[in-house]
Amino acid sequence: LVTNISSGYGFLGILIVLLTGFRGAL
């Protein structure tokens, strides 16, 4: 366990979902 273990993946995931236009295939 490290203090920055998430590495911002959650916030990057938000950007990815926005770019997909809410389409799961992308």
mmCIF file of all heavy atoms, coordinates in Angstrom:
data_MODEL
# 
_entry.id   MODEL 
# 
loop_
_atom_site.group_PDB 
_atom_site.id 
_atom_site.type_symbol 
_atom_site.label_atom_id 
_atom_site.label_alt_id 
_atom_site.label_comp_id 
_atom_site.label_asym_id 
_atom_site.label_entity_id 
_atom_site.label_seq_id 
_atom_site.pdbx_PDB_ins_code 
_atom_site.Cartn_x 
_atom_site.Cartn_y 
_atom_site.Cartn_z 
_atom_site.occupancy 
_atom_site.B_iso_or_equiv 
_atom_site.pdbx_formal_charge 
_atom_site.auth_seq_id 
_atom_site.auth_comp_id 
_atom_site.auth_asym_id 
_atom_site.auth_atom_id 
_atom_site.pdbx_PDB_model_num 
ATOM 1   N N   . LEU A 1 1  ? 0.844   -1.180 0.000   1.00 0.00 ? 1  LEU A N   1 
ATOM 2   C CA  . LEU A 1 1  ? 0.000   0.000  0.000   1.00 0.00 ? 1  LEU A CA  1 
ATOM 3   C C   . LEU A 1 1  ? 0.882   1.232  0.000   1.00 0.00 ? 1  LEU A C   1 
ATOM 4   O O   . LEU A 1 1  ? 1.772   1.369  0.835   1.00 0.00 ? 1  LEU A O   1 
ATOM 5   C CB  . LEU A 1 1  ? -0.909  0.010  1.233   1.00 0.00 ? 1  LEU A CB  1 
ATOM 6   C CG  . LEU A 1 1  ? -1.884  1.189  1.346   1.00 0.00 ? 1  LEU A CG  1 
ATOM 7   C CD1 . LEU A 1 1  ? -2.909  1.142  0.217   1.00 0.00 ? 1  LEU A CD1 1 
ATOM 8   C CD2 . LEU A 1 1  ? -2.587  1.175  2.700   1.00 0.00 ? 1  LEU A CD2 1 
ATOM 9   N N   . VAL A 1 2  ? 0.638   2.135  -0.952  1.00 0.00 ? 2  VAL A N   1 
ATOM 10  C CA  . VAL A 1 2  ? 1.389   3.392  -1.022  1.00 0.00 ? 2  VAL A CA  1 
ATOM 11  C C   . VAL A 1 2  ? 0.384   4.537  -1.028  1.00 0.00 ? 2  VAL A C   1 
ATOM 12  O O   . VAL A 1 2  ? -0.781  4.364  -1.392  1.00 0.00 ? 2  VAL A O   1 
ATOM 13  C CB  . VAL A 1 2  ? 2.288   3.445  -2.282  1.00 0.00 ? 2  VAL A CB  1 
ATOM 14  C CG1 . VAL A 1 2  ? 3.309   2.335  -2.260  1.00 0.00 ? 2  VAL A CG1 1 
ATOM 15  C CG2 . VAL A 1 2  ? 1.451   3.358  -3.554  1.00 0.00 ? 2  VAL A CG2 1 
ATOM 16  N N   . THR A 1 3  ? 0.841   5.700  -0.634  1.00 0.00 ? 3  THR A N   1 
ATOM 17  C CA  . THR A 1 3  ? -0.078  6.826  -0.450  1.00 0.00 ? 3  THR A CA  1 
ATOM 18  C C   . THR A 1 3  ? -0.702  7.310  -1.759  1.00 0.00 ? 3  THR A C   1 
ATOM 19  O O   . THR A 1 3  ? -1.785  7.882  -1.748  1.00 0.00 ? 3  THR A O   1 
ATOM 20  C CB  . THR A 1 3  ? 0.646   8.000  0.224   1.00 0.00 ? 3  THR A CB  1 
ATOM 21  O OG1 . THR A 1 3  ? 1.842   8.302  -0.517  1.00 0.00 ? 3  THR A OG1 1 
ATOM 22  C CG2 . THR A 1 3  ? 1.027   7.644  1.656   1.00 0.00 ? 3  THR A CG2 1 
ATOM 23  N N   . ASN A 1 4  ? -0.027  7.083  -2.874  1.00 0.00 ? 4  ASN A N   1 
ATOM 24  C CA  . ASN A 1 4  ? -0.571  7.535  -4.172  1.00 0.00 ? 4  ASN A CA  1 
ATOM 25  C C   . ASN A 1 4  ? -0.923  6.348  -5.061  1.00 0.00 ? 4  ASN A C   1 
ATOM 26  O O   . ASN A 1 4  ? -0.747  6.388  -6.274  1.00 0.00 ? 4  ASN A O   1 
ATOM 27  C CB  . ASN A 1 4  ? 0.431   8.438  -4.885  1.00 0.00 ? 4  ASN A CB  1 
ATOM 28  C CG  . ASN A 1 4  ? 1.722   7.708  -5.244  1.00 0.00 ? 4  ASN A CG  1 
ATOM 29  O OD1 . ASN A 1 4  ? 2.066   6.709  -4.611  1.00 0.00 ? 4  ASN A OD1 1 
ATOM 30  N ND2 . ASN A 1 4  ? 2.416   8.200  -6.241  1.00 0.00 ? 4  ASN A ND2 1 
ATOM 31  N N   . ILE A 1 5  ? -1.419  5.295  -4.461  1.00 0.00 ? 5  ILE A N   1 
ATOM 32  C CA  . ILE A 1 5  ? -1.606  4.047  -5.206  1.00 0.00 ? 5  ILE A CA  1 
ATOM 33  C C   . ILE A 1 5  ? -2.617  4.180  -6.331  1.00 0.00 ? 5  ILE A C   1 
ATOM 34  O O   . ILE A 1 5  ? -2.537  3.473  -7.340  1.00 0.00 ? 5  ILE A O   1 
ATOM 35  C CB  . ILE A 1 5  ? -2.020  2.907  -4.252  1.00 0.00 ? 5  ILE A CB  1 
ATOM 36  C CG1 . ILE A 1 5  ? -1.872  1.563  -4.964  1.00 0.00 ? 5  ILE A CG1 1 
ATOM 37  C CG2 . ILE A 1 5  ? -3.448  3.114  -3.698  1.00 0.00 ? 5  ILE A CG2 1 
ATOM 38  C CD1 . ILE A 1 5  ? -1.849  0.376  -4.046  1.00 0.00 ? 5  ILE A CD1 1 
ATOM 39  N N   . SER A 1 6  ? -3.570  5.081  -6.224  1.00 0.00 ? 6  SER A N   1 
ATOM 40  C CA  . SER A 1 6  ? -4.574  5.213  -7.285  1.00 0.00 ? 6  SER A CA  1 
ATOM 41  C C   . SER A 1 6  ? -3.997  5.842  -8.554  1.00 0.00 ? 6  SER A C   1 
ATOM 42  O O   . SER A 1 6  ? -4.534  5.651  -9.648  1.00 0.00 ? 6  SER A O   1 
ATOM 43  C CB  . SER A 1 6  ? -5.754  6.051  -6.800  1.00 0.00 ? 6  SER A CB  1 
ATOM 44  O OG  . SER A 1 6  ? -5.338  7.376  -6.543  1.00 0.00 ? 6  SER A OG  1 
ATOM 45  N N   . SER A 1 7  ? -2.925  6.618  -8.417  1.00 0.00 ? 7  SER A N   1 
ATOM 46  C CA  . SER A 1 7  ? -2.229  7.233  -9.564  1.00 0.00 ? 7  SER A CA  1 
ATOM 47  C C   . SER A 1 7  ? -3.153  8.066  -10.450 1.00 0.00 ? 7  SER A C   1 
ATOM 48  O O   . SER A 1 7  ? -2.876  8.272  -11.635 1.00 0.00 ? 7  SER A O   1 
ATOM 49  C CB  . SER A 1 7  ? -1.546  6.147  -10.419 1.00 0.00 ? 7  SER A CB  1 
ATOM 50  O OG  . SER A 1 7  ? -0.607  5.420  -9.667  1.00 0.00 ? 7  SER A OG  1 
ATOM 51  N N   . GLY A 1 8  ? -4.273  8.520  -9.888  1.00 0.00 ? 8  GLY A N   1 
ATOM 52  C CA  . GLY A 1 8  ? -5.189  9.345  -10.670 1.00 0.00 ? 8  GLY A CA  1 
ATOM 53  C C   . GLY A 1 8  ? -6.003  8.586  -11.694 1.00 0.00 ? 8  GLY A C   1 
ATOM 54  O O   . GLY A 1 8  ? -6.631  9.193  -12.575 1.00 0.00 ? 8  GLY A O   1 
ATOM 55  N N   . TYR A 1 9  ? -6.021  7.252  -11.607 1.00 0.00 ? 9  TYR A N   1 
ATOM 56  C CA  . TYR A 1 9  ? -6.748  6.457  -12.596 1.00 0.00 ? 9  TYR A CA  1 
ATOM 57  C C   . TYR A 1 9  ? -8.248  6.765  -12.579 1.00 0.00 ? 9  TYR A C   1 
ATOM 58  O O   . TYR A 1 9  ? -8.909  6.720  -13.618 1.00 0.00 ? 9  TYR A O   1 
ATOM 59  C CB  . TYR A 1 9  ? -6.525  4.968  -12.359 1.00 0.00 ? 9  TYR A CB  1 
ATOM 60  C CG  . TYR A 1 9  ? -5.114  4.495  -12.638 1.00 0.00 ? 9  TYR A CG  1 
ATOM 61  C CD1 . TYR A 1 9  ? -4.503  3.534  -11.842 1.00 0.00 ? 9  TYR A CD1 1 
ATOM 62  C CD2 . TYR A 1 9  ? -4.400  5.024  -13.704 1.00 0.00 ? 9  TYR A CD2 1 
ATOM 63  C CE1 . TYR A 1 9  ? -3.214  3.101  -12.104 1.00 0.00 ? 9  TYR A CE1 1 
ATOM 64  C CE2 . TYR A 1 9  ? -3.101  4.606  -13.957 1.00 0.00 ? 9  TYR A CE2 1 
ATOM 65  C CZ  . TYR A 1 9  ? -2.512  3.636  -13.158 1.00 0.00 ? 9  TYR A CZ  1 
ATOM 66  O OH  . TYR A 1 9  ? -1.235  3.222  -13.419 1.00 0.00 ? 9  TYR A OH  1 
ATOM 67  N N   . GLY A 1 10 ? -8.780  7.055  -11.401 1.00 0.00 ? 10 GLY A N   1 
ATOM 68  C CA  . GLY A 1 10 ? -10.202 7.368  -11.313 1.00 0.00 ? 10 GLY A CA  1 
ATOM 69  C C   . GLY A 1 10 ? -10.557 8.622  -12.092 1.00 0.00 ? 10 GLY A C   1 
ATOM 70  O O   . GLY A 1 10 ? -11.534 8.648  -12.849 1.00 0.00 ? 10 GLY A O   1 
ATOM 71  N N   . PHE A 1 11 ? -9.749  9.671  -11.937 1.00 0.00 ? 11 PHE A N   1 
ATOM 72  C CA  . PHE A 1 11 ? -10.016 10.920 -12.651 1.00 0.00 ? 11 PHE A CA  1 
ATOM 73  C C   . PHE A 1 11 ? -9.790  10.756 -14.153 1.00 0.00 ? 11 PHE A C   1 
ATOM 74  O O   . PHE A 1 11 ? -10.527 11.316 -14.967 1.00 0.00 ? 11 PHE A O   1 
ATOM 75  C CB  . PHE A 1 11 ? -9.138  12.039 -12.100 1.00 0.00 ? 11 PHE A CB  1 
ATOM 76  C CG  . PHE A 1 11 ? -9.445  12.394 -10.669 1.00 0.00 ? 11 PHE A CG  1 
ATOM 77  C CD1 . PHE A 1 11 ? -8.436  12.506 -9.726  1.00 0.00 ? 11 PHE A CD1 1 
ATOM 78  C CD2 . PHE A 1 11 ? -10.749 12.597 -10.262 1.00 0.00 ? 11 PHE A CD2 1 
ATOM 79  C CE1 . PHE A 1 11 ? -8.720  12.836 -8.399  1.00 0.00 ? 11 PHE A CE1 1 
ATOM 80  C CE2 . PHE A 1 11 ? -11.053 12.927 -8.952  1.00 0.00 ? 11 PHE A CE2 1 
ATOM 81  C CZ  . PHE A 1 11 ? -10.044 13.040 -8.016  1.00 0.00 ? 11 PHE A CZ  1 
ATOM 82  N N   . LEU A 1 12 ? -8.769  9.976  -14.529 1.00 0.00 ? 12 LEU A N   1 
ATOM 83  C CA  . LEU A 1 12 ? -8.562  9.703  -15.950 1.00 0.00 ? 12 LEU A CA  1 
ATOM 84  C C   . LEU A 1 12 ? -9.739  8.930  -16.527 1.00 0.00 ? 12 LEU A C   1 
ATOM 85  O O   . LEU A 1 12 ? -10.126 9.132  -17.681 1.00 0.00 ? 12 LEU A O   1 
ATOM 86  C CB  . LEU A 1 12 ? -7.272  8.911  -16.157 1.00 0.00 ? 12 LEU A CB  1 
ATOM 87  C CG  . LEU A 1 12 ? -5.967  9.702  -16.234 1.00 0.00 ? 12 LEU A CG  1 
ATOM 88  C CD1 . LEU A 1 12 ? -4.791  8.766  -16.410 1.00 0.00 ? 12 LEU A CD1 1 
ATOM 89  C CD2 . LEU A 1 12 ? -6.011  10.708 -17.365 1.00 0.00 ? 12 LEU A CD2 1 
ATOM 90  N N   . GLY A 1 13 ? -10.306 8.035  -15.712 1.00 0.00 ? 13 GLY A N   1 
ATOM 91  C CA  . GLY A 1 13 ? -11.466 7.270  -16.158 1.00 0.00 ? 13 GLY A CA  1 
ATOM 92  C C   . GLY A 1 13 ? -12.629 8.180  -16.511 1.00 0.00 ? 13 GLY A C   1 
ATOM 93  O O   . GLY A 1 13 ? -13.378 7.911  -17.457 1.00 0.00 ? 13 GLY A O   1 
ATOM 94  N N   . ILE A 1 14 ? -12.793 9.271  -15.759 1.00 0.00 ? 14 ILE A N   1 
ATOM 95  C CA  . ILE A 1 14 ? -13.870 10.229 -16.057 1.00 0.00 ? 14 ILE A CA  1 
ATOM 96  C C   . ILE A 1 14 ? -13.655 10.846 -17.432 1.00 0.00 ? 14 ILE A C   1 
ATOM 97  O O   . ILE A 1 14 ? -14.603 10.973 -18.231 1.00 0.00 ? 14 ILE A O   1 
ATOM 98  C CB  . ILE A 1 14 ? -13.922 11.321 -14.973 1.00 0.00 ? 14 ILE A CB  1 
ATOM 99  C CG1 . ILE A 1 14 ? -14.322 10.706 -13.625 1.00 0.00 ? 14 ILE A CG1 1 
ATOM 100 C CG2 . ILE A 1 14 ? -14.898 12.428 -15.365 1.00 0.00 ? 14 ILE A CG2 1 
ATOM 101 C CD1 . ILE A 1 14 ? -14.249 11.675 -12.465 1.00 0.00 ? 14 ILE A CD1 1 
ATOM 102 N N   . LEU A 1 15 ? -12.411 11.225 -17.738 1.00 0.00 ? 15 LEU A N   1 
ATOM 103 C CA  . LEU A 1 15 ? -12.117 11.781 -19.063 1.00 0.00 ? 15 LEU A CA  1 
ATOM 104 C C   . LEU A 1 15 ? -12.385 10.765 -20.161 1.00 0.00 ? 15 LEU A C   1 
ATOM 105 O O   . LEU A 1 15 ? -12.917 11.111 -21.224 1.00 0.00 ? 15 LEU A O   1 
ATOM 106 C CB  . LEU A 1 15 ? -10.661 12.250 -19.121 1.00 0.00 ? 15 LEU A CB  1 
ATOM 107 C CG  . LEU A 1 15 ? -10.216 13.291 -18.092 1.00 0.00 ? 15 LEU A CG  1 
ATOM 108 C CD1 . LEU A 1 15 ? -8.786  13.716 -18.364 1.00 0.00 ? 15 LEU A CD1 1 
ATOM 109 C CD2 . LEU A 1 15 ? -11.136 14.502 -18.120 1.00 0.00 ? 15 LEU A CD2 1 
ATOM 110 N N   . ILE A 1 16 ? -12.017 9.518  -19.907 1.00 0.00 ? 16 ILE A N   1 
ATOM 111 C CA  . ILE A 1 16 ? -12.221 8.469  -20.914 1.00 0.00 ? 16 ILE A CA  1 
ATOM 112 C C   . ILE A 1 16 ? -13.704 8.275  -21.196 1.00 0.00 ? 16 ILE A C   1 
ATOM 113 O O   . ILE A 1 16 ? -14.125 8.169  -22.354 1.00 0.00 ? 16 ILE A O   1 
ATOM 114 C CB  . ILE A 1 16 ? -11.576 7.147  -20.444 1.00 0.00 ? 16 ILE A CB  1 
ATOM 115 C CG1 . ILE A 1 16 ? -10.055 7.290  -20.448 1.00 0.00 ? 16 ILE A CG1 1 
ATOM 116 C CG2 . ILE A 1 16 ? -12.008 5.982  -21.333 1.00 0.00 ? 16 ILE A CG2 1 
ATOM 117 C CD1 . ILE A 1 16 ? -9.324  6.145  -19.778 1.00 0.00 ? 16 ILE A CD1 1 
ATOM 118 N N   . VAL A 1 17 ? -14.519 8.240  -20.146 1.00 0.00 ? 17 VAL A N   1 
ATOM 119 C CA  . VAL A 1 17 ? -15.959 8.050  -20.337 1.00 0.00 ? 17 VAL A CA  1 
ATOM 120 C C   . VAL A 1 17 ? -16.548 9.216  -21.123 1.00 0.00 ? 17 VAL A C   1 
ATOM 121 O O   . VAL A 1 17 ? -17.411 9.032  -21.994 1.00 0.00 ? 17 VAL A O   1 
ATOM 122 C CB  . VAL A 1 17 ? -16.675 7.891  -18.978 1.00 0.00 ? 17 VAL A CB  1 
ATOM 123 C CG1 . VAL A 1 17 ? -18.184 7.865  -19.166 1.00 0.00 ? 17 VAL A CG1 1 
ATOM 124 C CG2 . VAL A 1 17 ? -16.221 6.604  -18.298 1.00 0.00 ? 17 VAL A CG2 1 
ATOM 125 N N   . LEU A 1 18 ? -16.092 10.430 -20.839 1.00 0.00 ? 18 LEU A N   1 
ATOM 126 C CA  . LEU A 1 18 ? -16.576 11.589 -21.595 1.00 0.00 ? 18 LEU A CA  1 
ATOM 127 C C   . LEU A 1 18 ? -16.221 11.462 -23.073 1.00 0.00 ? 18 LEU A C   1 
ATOM 128 O O   . LEU A 1 18 ? -17.036 11.770 -23.954 1.00 0.00 ? 18 LEU A O   1 
ATOM 129 C CB  . LEU A 1 18 ? -15.983 12.874 -21.023 1.00 0.00 ? 18 LEU A CB  1 
ATOM 130 C CG  . LEU A 1 18 ? -16.496 13.320 -19.653 1.00 0.00 ? 18 LEU A CG  1 
ATOM 131 C CD1 . LEU A 1 18 ? -15.720 14.540 -19.175 1.00 0.00 ? 18 LEU A CD1 1 
ATOM 132 C CD2 . LEU A 1 18 ? -17.982 13.646 -19.711 1.00 0.00 ? 18 LEU A CD2 1 
ATOM 133 N N   . LEU A 1 19 ? -15.007 10.996 -23.350 1.00 0.00 ? 19 LEU A N   1 
ATOM 134 C CA  . LEU A 1 19 ? -14.577 10.859 -24.738 1.00 0.00 ? 19 LEU A CA  1 
ATOM 135 C C   . LEU A 1 19 ? -15.332 9.757  -25.471 1.00 0.00 ? 19 LEU A C   1 
ATOM 136 O O   . LEU A 1 19 ? -15.489 9.820  -26.690 1.00 0.00 ? 19 LEU A O   1 
ATOM 137 C CB  . LEU A 1 19 ? -13.072 10.574 -24.800 1.00 0.00 ? 19 LEU A CB  1 
ATOM 138 C CG  . LEU A 1 19 ? -12.153 11.761 -24.541 1.00 0.00 ? 19 LEU A CG  1 
ATOM 139 C CD1 . LEU A 1 19 ? -10.706 11.326 -24.522 1.00 0.00 ? 19 LEU A CD1 1 
ATOM 140 C CD2 . LEU A 1 19 ? -12.356 12.831 -25.598 1.00 0.00 ? 19 LEU A CD2 1 
ATOM 141 N N   . THR A 1 20 ? -15.778 8.749  -24.763 1.00 0.00 ? 20 THR A N   1 
ATOM 142 C CA  . THR A 1 20 ? -16.528 7.672  -25.419 1.00 0.00 ? 20 THR A CA  1 
ATOM 143 C C   . THR A 1 20 ? -17.924 8.115  -25.827 1.00 0.00 ? 20 THR A C   1 
ATOM 144 O O   . THR A 1 20 ? -18.586 7.430  -26.610 1.00 0.00 ? 20 THR A O   1 
ATOM 145 C CB  . THR A 1 20 ? -16.675 6.445  -24.506 1.00 0.00 ? 20 THR A CB  1 
ATOM 146 O OG1 . THR A 1 20 ? -17.466 6.786  -23.356 1.00 0.00 ? 20 THR A OG1 1 
ATOM 147 C CG2 . THR A 1 20 ? -15.322 5.913  -24.059 1.00 0.00 ? 20 THR A CG2 1 
ATOM 148 N N   . GLY A 1 21 ? -18.379 9.248  -25.292 1.00 0.00 ? 21 GLY A N   1 
ATOM 149 C CA  . GLY A 1 21 ? -19.755 9.633  -25.535 1.00 0.00 ? 21 GLY A CA  1 
ATOM 150 C C   . GLY A 1 21 ? -20.713 8.659  -24.874 1.00 0.00 ? 21 GLY A C   1 
ATOM 151 O O   . GLY A 1 21 ? -21.831 8.460  -25.357 1.00 0.00 ? 21 GLY A O   1 
ATOM 152 N N   . PHE A 1 22 ? -20.259 8.040  -23.770 1.00 0.00 ? 22 PHE A N   1 
ATOM 153 C CA  . PHE A 1 22 ? -21.053 7.074  -22.987 1.00 0.00 ? 22 PHE A CA  1 
ATOM 154 C C   . PHE A 1 22 ? -21.361 5.803  -23.789 1.00 0.00 ? 22 PHE A C   1 
ATOM 155 O O   . PHE A 1 22 ? -22.392 5.159  -23.578 1.00 0.00 ? 22 PHE A O   1 
ATOM 156 C CB  . PHE A 1 22 ? -22.343 7.713  -22.468 1.00 0.00 ? 22 PHE A CB  1 
ATOM 157 C CG  . PHE A 1 22 ? -22.125 9.026  -21.782 1.00 0.00 ? 22 PHE A CG  1 
ATOM 158 C CD1 . PHE A 1 22 ? -22.591 10.209 -22.340 1.00 0.00 ? 22 PHE A CD1 1 
ATOM 159 C CD2 . PHE A 1 22 ? -21.416 9.092  -20.597 1.00 0.00 ? 22 PHE A CD2 1 
ATOM 160 C CE1 . PHE A 1 22 ? -22.370 11.428 -21.714 1.00 0.00 ? 22 PHE A CE1 1 
ATOM 161 C CE2 . PHE A 1 22 ? -21.188 10.300 -19.966 1.00 0.00 ? 22 PHE A CE2 1 
ATOM 162 C CZ  . PHE A 1 22 ? -21.659 11.460 -20.517 1.00 0.00 ? 22 PHE A CZ  1 
ATOM 163 N N   . ARG A 1 23 ? -20.449 5.429  -24.693 1.00 0.00 ? 23 ARG A N   1 
ATOM 164 C CA  . ARG A 1 23 ? -20.594 4.196  -25.459 1.00 0.00 ? 23 ARG A CA  1 
ATOM 165 C C   . ARG A 1 23 ? -19.586 3.178  -24.957 1.00 0.00 ? 23 ARG A C   1 
ATOM 166 O O   . ARG A 1 23 ? -18.372 3.384  -25.034 1.00 0.00 ? 23 ARG A O   1 
ATOM 167 C CB  . ARG A 1 23 ? -20.400 4.463  -26.951 1.00 0.00 ? 23 ARG A CB  1 
ATOM 168 C CG  . ARG A 1 23 ? -21.471 5.362  -27.551 1.00 0.00 ? 23 ARG A CG  1 
ATOM 169 C CD  . ARG A 1 23 ? -21.351 5.444  -29.064 1.00 0.00 ? 23 ARG A CD  1 
ATOM 170 N NE  . ARG A 1 23 ? -20.163 6.180  -29.464 1.00 0.00 ? 23 ARG A NE  1 
ATOM 171 C CZ  . ARG A 1 23 ? -20.134 7.505  -29.675 1.00 0.00 ? 23 ARG A CZ  1 
ATOM 172 N NH1 . ARG A 1 23 ? -21.229 8.231  -29.490 1.00 0.00 ? 23 ARG A NH1 1 
ATOM 173 N NH2 . ARG A 1 23 ? -19.030 8.099  -30.051 1.00 0.00 ? 23 ARG A NH2 1 
ATOM 174 N N   . GLY A 1 24 ? -20.106 2.055  -24.460 1.00 0.00 ? 24 GLY A N   1 
ATOM 175 C CA  . GLY A 1 24 ? -19.251 1.036  -23.861 1.00 0.00 ? 24 GLY A CA  1 
ATOM 176 C C   . GLY A 1 24 ? -18.261 0.422  -24.821 1.00 0.00 ? 24 GLY A C   1 
ATOM 177 O O   . GLY A 1 24 ? -17.170 -0.009 -24.417 1.00 0.00 ? 24 GLY A O   1 
ATOM 178 N N   . ALA A 1 25 ? -18.594 0.362  -26.104 1.00 0.00 ? 25 ALA A N   1 
ATOM 179 C CA  . ALA A 1 25 ? -17.711 -0.264 -27.086 1.00 0.00 ? 25 ALA A CA  1 
ATOM 180 C C   . ALA A 1 25 ? -16.407 0.502  -27.259 1.00 0.00 ? 25 ALA A C   1 
ATOM 181 O O   . ALA A 1 25 ? -15.417 -0.064 -27.746 1.00 0.00 ? 25 ALA A O   1 
ATOM 182 C CB  . ALA A 1 25 ? -18.434 -0.374 -28.429 1.00 0.00 ? 25 ALA A CB  1 
ATOM 183 N N   . LEU A 1 26 ? -16.376 1.776  -26.853 1.00 0.00 ? 26 LEU A N   1 
ATOM 184 C CA  . LEU A 1 26 ? -15.176 2.606  -27.041 1.00 0.00 ? 26 LEU A CA  1 
ATOM 185 C C   . LEU A 1 26 ? -14.295 2.667  -25.797 1.00 0.00 ? 26 LEU A C   1 
ATOM 186 O O   . LEU A 1 26 ? -13.218 3.270  -25.834 1.00 0.00 ? 26 LEU A O   1 
ATOM 187 C CB  . LEU A 1 26 ? -15.588 4.026  -27.441 1.00 0.00 ? 26 LEU A CB  1 
ATOM 188 C CG  . LEU A 1 26 ? -16.337 4.163  -28.771 1.00 0.00 ? 26 LEU A CG  1 
ATOM 189 C CD1 . LEU A 1 26 ? -16.674 5.626  -29.028 1.00 0.00 ? 26 LEU A CD1 1 
ATOM 190 C CD2 . LEU A 1 26 ? -15.507 3.606  -29.915 1.00 0.00 ? 26 LEU A CD2 1 
# 
